[in-house]
Amino acid sequence: FETFVASELVKQQLGRGESRALYYFRDEQGLEVDFIVPQAAGRVELIEAKYTKTPLPQMAKPIGVLLEKLKGRGIGTVVCRAAAGRPERASIAPGVKAVSVEAMFAAALP
């Protein structure tokens, strides 16, 4: 699932004429975020890819820790599978939204 999300992120960047810029974060204490994607004006999007239909607040904890350190220069997203009856975008932690993979990449479709 992570590989699929990574490939779609890169395809979006290249489709917009941007250079490929996708990073992974892990520190010495084991804090890890799947993807860091540079955005405009020095901001970054922190993304966790979870192969679940039920995103939980604890899935956003690593993102939350890094968002605090970024002091307003980041946004957080947990990408997961779509589930019937669940909104395609929902807040699951302060500054972190859960987004279905279909909704995240729908804008890139013709």
N, C-alpha and C. Protein backbone atom coordinates (compact mmCIF):
# COMPACT_ATOMS: atom_id res chain seq x y z
N PHE A 1 0.83 -1.19 0.00
CA PHE A 1 0.00 0.00 0.00
C PHE A 1 0.88 1.25 0.00
N GLU A 2 1.95 1.24 0.82
CA GLU A 2 2.85 2.39 0.85
C GLU A 2 3.48 2.63 -0.52
N THR A 3 3.87 1.56 -1.20
CA THR A 3 4.47 1.70 -2.52
C THR A 3 3.48 2.30 -3.51
N PHE A 4 2.22 1.87 -3.45
CA PHE A 4 1.20 2.43 -4.32
C PHE A 4 1.03 3.93 -4.06
N VAL A 5 0.92 4.31 -2.79
CA VAL A 5 0.75 5.73 -2.43
C VAL A 5 1.96 6.53 -2.92
N ALA A 6 3.15 6.00 -2.71
CA ALA A 6 4.37 6.70 -3.16
C ALA A 6 4.34 6.91 -4.67
N SER A 7 4.00 5.87 -5.41
CA SER A 7 3.99 6.01 -6.88
C SER A 7 2.94 7.02 -7.34
N GLU A 8 1.80 7.06 -6.67
CA GLU A 8 0.76 8.03 -7.05
C GLU A 8 1.19 9.46 -6.70
N LEU A 9 1.86 9.64 -5.58
CA LEU A 9 2.36 10.97 -5.22
C LEU A 9 3.36 11.47 -6.27
N VAL A 10 4.27 10.59 -6.68
CA VAL A 10 5.26 10.97 -7.68
C VAL A 10 4.58 11.25 -9.03
N LYS A 11 3.61 10.42 -9.41
CA LYS A 11 2.89 10.67 -10.67
C LYS A 11 2.19 12.01 -10.64
N GLN A 12 1.60 12.38 -9.50
CA GLN A 12 0.96 13.69 -9.39
C GLN A 12 1.97 14.80 -9.59
N GLN A 13 3.10 14.69 -8.93
CA GLN A 13 4.13 15.73 -9.06
C GLN A 13 4.60 15.87 -10.50
N LEU A 14 4.91 14.75 -11.13
CA LEU A 14 5.38 14.80 -12.51
C LEU A 14 4.30 15.28 -13.46
N GLY A 15 3.05 14.90 -13.19
CA GLY A 15 1.93 15.35 -14.02
C GLY A 15 1.70 16.85 -13.94
N ARG A 16 2.08 17.46 -12.83
CA ARG A 16 1.97 18.92 -12.67
C ARG A 16 3.22 19.63 -13.16
N GLY A 17 4.19 18.87 -13.69
CA GLY A 17 5.41 19.48 -14.18
C GLY A 17 6.41 19.81 -13.09
N GLU A 18 6.21 19.25 -11.91
CA GLU A 18 7.13 19.48 -10.79
C GLU A 18 8.21 18.42 -10.79
N SER A 19 9.31 18.71 -10.12
CA SER A 19 10.33 17.68 -9.97
C SER A 19 9.86 16.70 -8.90
N ARG A 20 10.36 15.49 -9.00
CA ARG A 20 9.99 14.45 -8.04
C ARG A 20 10.64 14.79 -6.70
N ALA A 21 9.82 14.91 -5.67
CA ALA A 21 10.32 15.25 -4.34
C ALA A 21 9.47 14.52 -3.31
N LEU A 22 9.99 13.42 -2.83
CA LEU A 22 9.27 12.58 -1.87
C LEU A 22 10.30 12.03 -0.90
N TYR A 23 10.08 12.25 0.39
CA TYR A 23 11.07 11.88 1.39
C TYR A 23 10.44 11.03 2.48
N TYR A 24 11.31 10.33 3.21
CA TYR A 24 10.94 9.47 4.32
C TYR A 24 11.64 10.04 5.56
N PHE A 25 11.00 9.94 6.73
CA PHE A 25 11.61 10.46 7.95
C PHE A 25 11.66 9.38 9.02
N ARG A 26 12.82 9.25 9.63
CA ARG A 26 12.98 8.39 10.81
C ARG A 26 14.12 8.97 11.64
N ASP A 27 13.88 9.16 12.94
CA ASP A 27 14.93 9.69 13.80
C ASP A 27 15.52 8.59 14.67
N GLU A 28 16.50 8.95 15.50
CA GLU A 28 17.20 7.97 16.34
C GLU A 28 16.32 7.34 17.40
N GLN A 29 15.23 8.01 17.77
CA GLN A 29 14.31 7.47 18.78
C GLN A 29 13.23 6.57 18.15
N GLY A 30 13.24 6.44 16.83
CA GLY A 30 12.28 5.58 16.15
C GLY A 30 11.05 6.29 15.63
N LEU A 31 10.98 7.62 15.78
CA LEU A 31 9.86 8.38 15.22
C LEU A 31 9.96 8.29 13.70
N GLU A 32 8.86 7.92 13.07
CA GLU A 32 8.89 7.63 11.65
C GLU A 32 7.63 8.16 10.98
N VAL A 33 7.80 8.77 9.81
CA VAL A 33 6.68 9.21 8.97
C VAL A 33 6.96 8.70 7.57
N ASP A 34 5.95 8.08 6.95
CA ASP A 34 6.14 7.44 5.66
C ASP A 34 6.61 8.38 4.57
N PHE A 35 5.94 9.54 4.43
CA PHE A 35 6.28 10.45 3.34
C PHE A 35 6.27 11.89 3.82
N ILE A 36 7.26 12.62 3.35
CA ILE A 36 7.29 14.07 3.53
C ILE A 36 7.32 14.66 2.13
N VAL A 37 6.30 15.47 1.83
CA VAL A 37 6.16 16.03 0.49
C VAL A 37 6.25 17.55 0.59
N PRO A 38 7.27 18.15 -0.04
CA PRO A 38 7.38 19.61 -0.02
C PRO A 38 6.17 20.27 -0.69
N GLN A 39 5.74 21.37 -0.10
CA GLN A 39 4.63 22.17 -0.64
C GLN A 39 5.13 23.59 -0.89
N ALA A 40 4.25 24.45 -1.31
CA ALA A 40 4.61 25.85 -1.58
C ALA A 40 4.97 26.57 -0.29
N ALA A 41 5.73 27.63 -0.42
CA ALA A 41 6.07 28.55 0.67
C ALA A 41 6.78 27.86 1.84
N GLY A 42 7.60 26.86 1.55
CA GLY A 42 8.38 26.22 2.60
C GLY A 42 7.61 25.29 3.52
N ARG A 43 6.36 24.97 3.16
CA ARG A 43 5.56 24.05 3.96
C ARG A 43 5.80 22.62 3.49
N VAL A 44 5.42 21.65 4.32
CA VAL A 44 5.51 20.24 3.94
C VAL A 44 4.22 19.53 4.33
N GLU A 45 3.91 18.47 3.61
CA GLU A 45 2.80 17.60 3.99
C GLU A 45 3.41 16.31 4.52
N LEU A 46 3.00 15.92 5.71
CA LEU A 46 3.44 14.67 6.33
C LEU A 46 2.36 13.63 6.10
N ILE A 47 2.72 12.50 5.53
CA ILE A 47 1.73 11.50 5.13
C ILE A 47 2.09 10.13 5.71
N GLU A 48 1.10 9.50 6.33
CA GLU A 48 1.20 8.10 6.76
C GLU A 48 0.25 7.31 5.88
N ALA A 49 0.71 6.21 5.32
CA ALA A 49 -0.13 5.33 4.51
C ALA A 49 -0.50 4.12 5.36
N LYS A 50 -1.79 3.91 5.56
CA LYS A 50 -2.28 2.80 6.38
C LYS A 50 -3.30 1.99 5.58
N TYR A 51 -3.04 0.70 5.46
CA TYR A 51 -3.94 -0.19 4.73
C TYR A 51 -5.08 -0.61 5.66
N THR A 52 -5.93 0.33 5.93
CA THR A 52 -7.06 0.10 6.81
C THR A 52 -8.24 0.88 6.30
N LYS A 53 -9.43 0.45 6.67
CA LYS A 53 -10.64 1.22 6.38
C LYS A 53 -11.07 2.01 7.61
N THR A 54 -10.35 1.83 8.73
CA THR A 54 -10.70 2.49 9.98
C THR A 54 -9.50 3.24 10.53
N PRO A 55 -9.28 4.48 10.09
CA PRO A 55 -8.15 5.24 10.62
C PRO A 55 -8.41 5.65 12.07
N LEU A 56 -7.42 5.48 12.91
CA LEU A 56 -7.54 5.77 14.33
C LEU A 56 -6.59 6.90 14.72
N PRO A 57 -6.93 7.65 15.77
CA PRO A 57 -6.08 8.76 16.19
C PRO A 57 -4.62 8.37 16.46
N GLN A 58 -4.37 7.18 17.00
CA GLN A 58 -2.99 6.79 17.29
C GLN A 58 -2.14 6.65 16.02
N MET A 59 -2.79 6.46 14.87
CA MET A 59 -2.05 6.38 13.61
C MET A 59 -1.46 7.74 13.23
N ALA A 60 -1.99 8.80 13.82
CA ALA A 60 -1.54 10.16 13.52
C ALA A 60 -0.48 10.66 14.50
N LYS A 61 -0.16 9.89 15.52
CA LYS A 61 0.77 10.37 16.56
C LYS A 61 2.14 10.79 16.00
N PRO A 62 2.80 9.98 15.15
CA PRO A 62 4.10 10.43 14.64
C PRO A 62 3.99 11.75 13.87
N ILE A 63 2.92 11.89 13.11
CA ILE A 63 2.71 13.14 12.37
C ILE A 63 2.53 14.29 13.36
N GLY A 64 1.75 14.08 14.40
CA GLY A 64 1.52 15.12 15.39
C GLY A 64 2.80 15.61 16.05
N VAL A 65 3.70 14.69 16.36
CA VAL A 65 4.98 15.06 16.97
C VAL A 65 5.78 15.96 16.03
N LEU A 66 5.85 15.57 14.76
CA LEU A 66 6.60 16.39 13.80
C LEU A 66 5.90 17.71 13.51
N LEU A 67 4.58 17.72 13.48
CA LEU A 67 3.86 18.98 13.24
C LEU A 67 4.19 19.99 14.34
N GLU A 68 4.30 19.54 15.57
CA GLU A 68 4.67 20.45 16.67
C GLU A 68 6.04 21.07 16.41
N LYS A 69 6.97 20.27 15.94
CA LYS A 69 8.32 20.78 15.67
C LYS A 69 8.35 21.72 14.47
N LEU A 70 7.43 21.53 13.55
CA LEU A 70 7.39 22.38 12.35
C LEU A 70 6.73 23.74 12.60
N LYS A 71 6.05 23.87 13.72
CA LYS A 71 5.46 25.15 14.14
C LYS A 71 4.65 25.84 13.04
N GLY A 72 3.64 25.14 12.53
CA GLY A 72 2.73 25.74 11.57
C GLY A 72 3.17 25.65 10.13
N ARG A 73 4.29 25.00 9.86
CA ARG A 73 4.76 24.89 8.48
C ARG A 73 4.43 23.54 7.85
N GLY A 74 3.54 22.78 8.50
CA GLY A 74 3.21 21.47 7.97
C GLY A 74 1.73 21.14 8.09
N ILE A 75 1.32 20.19 7.28
CA ILE A 75 -0.03 19.63 7.37
C ILE A 75 0.12 18.11 7.44
N GLY A 76 -0.84 17.45 8.06
CA GLY A 76 -0.74 16.00 8.25
C GLY A 76 -1.90 15.26 7.62
N THR A 77 -1.57 14.12 7.03
CA THR A 77 -2.57 13.30 6.36
C THR A 77 -2.29 11.82 6.62
N VAL A 78 -3.34 11.09 7.00
CA VAL A 78 -3.29 9.63 7.04
C VAL A 78 -4.11 9.15 5.85
N VAL A 79 -3.45 8.48 4.92
CA VAL A 79 -4.11 7.95 3.73
C VAL A 79 -4.51 6.51 4.02
N CYS A 80 -5.78 6.19 3.77
CA CYS A 80 -6.27 4.84 4.04
C CYS A 80 -7.25 4.42 2.95
N ARG A 81 -7.78 3.23 3.08
CA ARG A 81 -8.75 2.74 2.11
C ARG A 81 -10.12 3.33 2.41
N ALA A 82 -10.95 3.44 1.40
CA ALA A 82 -12.30 3.97 1.57
C ALA A 82 -13.17 2.95 2.29
N ALA A 83 -14.13 3.46 3.05
CA ALA A 83 -15.08 2.59 3.75
C ALA A 83 -16.48 3.16 3.54
N ALA A 84 -17.42 2.28 3.31
CA ALA A 84 -18.81 2.70 3.13
C ALA A 84 -19.31 3.41 4.38
N GLY A 85 -19.94 4.55 4.19
CA GLY A 85 -20.53 5.27 5.30
C GLY A 85 -19.57 6.20 6.03
N ARG A 86 -18.29 6.18 5.68
CA ARG A 86 -17.32 7.07 6.32
C ARG A 86 -16.99 8.20 5.35
N PRO A 87 -16.91 9.44 5.84
CA PRO A 87 -16.56 10.53 4.95
C PRO A 87 -15.19 10.30 4.31
N GLU A 88 -14.99 10.81 3.09
CA GLU A 88 -13.71 10.61 2.42
C GLU A 88 -12.59 11.42 3.06
N ARG A 89 -12.95 12.45 3.83
CA ARG A 89 -11.97 13.27 4.56
C ARG A 89 -12.52 13.53 5.95
N ALA A 90 -11.72 13.28 6.96
CA ALA A 90 -12.17 13.51 8.33
C ALA A 90 -10.97 13.81 9.22
N SER A 91 -11.15 14.69 10.17
CA SER A 91 -10.09 15.00 11.13
C SER A 91 -9.99 13.86 12.14
N ILE A 92 -8.76 13.37 12.38
CA ILE A 92 -8.60 12.30 13.37
C ILE A 92 -7.68 12.71 14.52
N ALA A 93 -7.01 13.85 14.36
CA ALA A 93 -6.15 14.39 15.41
C ALA A 93 -5.90 15.86 15.08
N PRO A 94 -5.46 16.65 16.04
CA PRO A 94 -5.20 18.06 15.75
C PRO A 94 -4.21 18.22 14.59
N GLY A 95 -4.66 18.89 13.54
CA GLY A 95 -3.82 19.14 12.38
C GLY A 95 -3.67 17.97 11.43
N VAL A 96 -4.36 16.85 11.70
CA VAL A 96 -4.21 15.65 10.87
C VAL A 96 -5.58 15.19 10.39
N LYS A 97 -5.69 14.98 9.09
CA LYS A 97 -6.94 14.47 8.53
C LYS A 97 -6.70 13.07 7.97
N ALA A 98 -7.74 12.26 8.00
CA ALA A 98 -7.72 10.95 7.35
C ALA A 98 -8.40 11.14 6.00
N VAL A 99 -7.78 10.62 4.96
CA VAL A 99 -8.28 10.78 3.60
C VAL A 99 -8.23 9.42 2.92
N SER A 100 -9.31 9.07 2.22
CA SER A 100 -9.27 7.82 1.46
C SER A 100 -8.31 8.01 0.29
N VAL A 101 -7.67 6.93 -0.08
CA VAL A 101 -6.72 7.00 -1.19
C VAL A 101 -7.43 7.45 -2.46
N GLU A 102 -8.69 7.06 -2.61
CA GLU A 102 -9.46 7.47 -3.80
C GLU A 102 -9.65 8.98 -3.81
N ALA A 103 -9.98 9.57 -2.66
CA ALA A 103 -10.19 11.02 -2.59
C ALA A 103 -8.89 11.78 -2.77
N MET A 104 -7.81 11.24 -2.22
CA MET A 104 -6.52 11.94 -2.32
C MET A 104 -6.07 12.09 -3.76
N PHE A 105 -6.32 11.07 -4.56
CA PHE A 105 -5.82 11.11 -5.93
C PHE A 105 -6.90 11.42 -6.96
N ALA A 106 -8.11 11.68 -6.53
CA ALA A 106 -9.20 11.97 -7.47
C ALA A 106 -8.91 13.23 -8.28
N ALA A 107 -8.28 14.21 -7.68
CA ALA A 107 -7.98 15.46 -8.39
C ALA A 107 -7.04 15.23 -9.56
N ALA A 108 -6.26 14.18 -9.51
CA ALA A 108 -5.30 13.90 -10.59
C ALA A 108 -5.94 13.18 -11.77
N LEU A 109 -7.16 12.71 -11.60
CA LEU A 109 -7.82 11.99 -12.68
C LEU A 109 -8.37 12.95 -13.72
N PRO A 110 -8.35 12.54 -15.00
CA PRO A 110 -8.88 13.43 -16.05
C PRO A 110 -10.38 13.58 -15.97
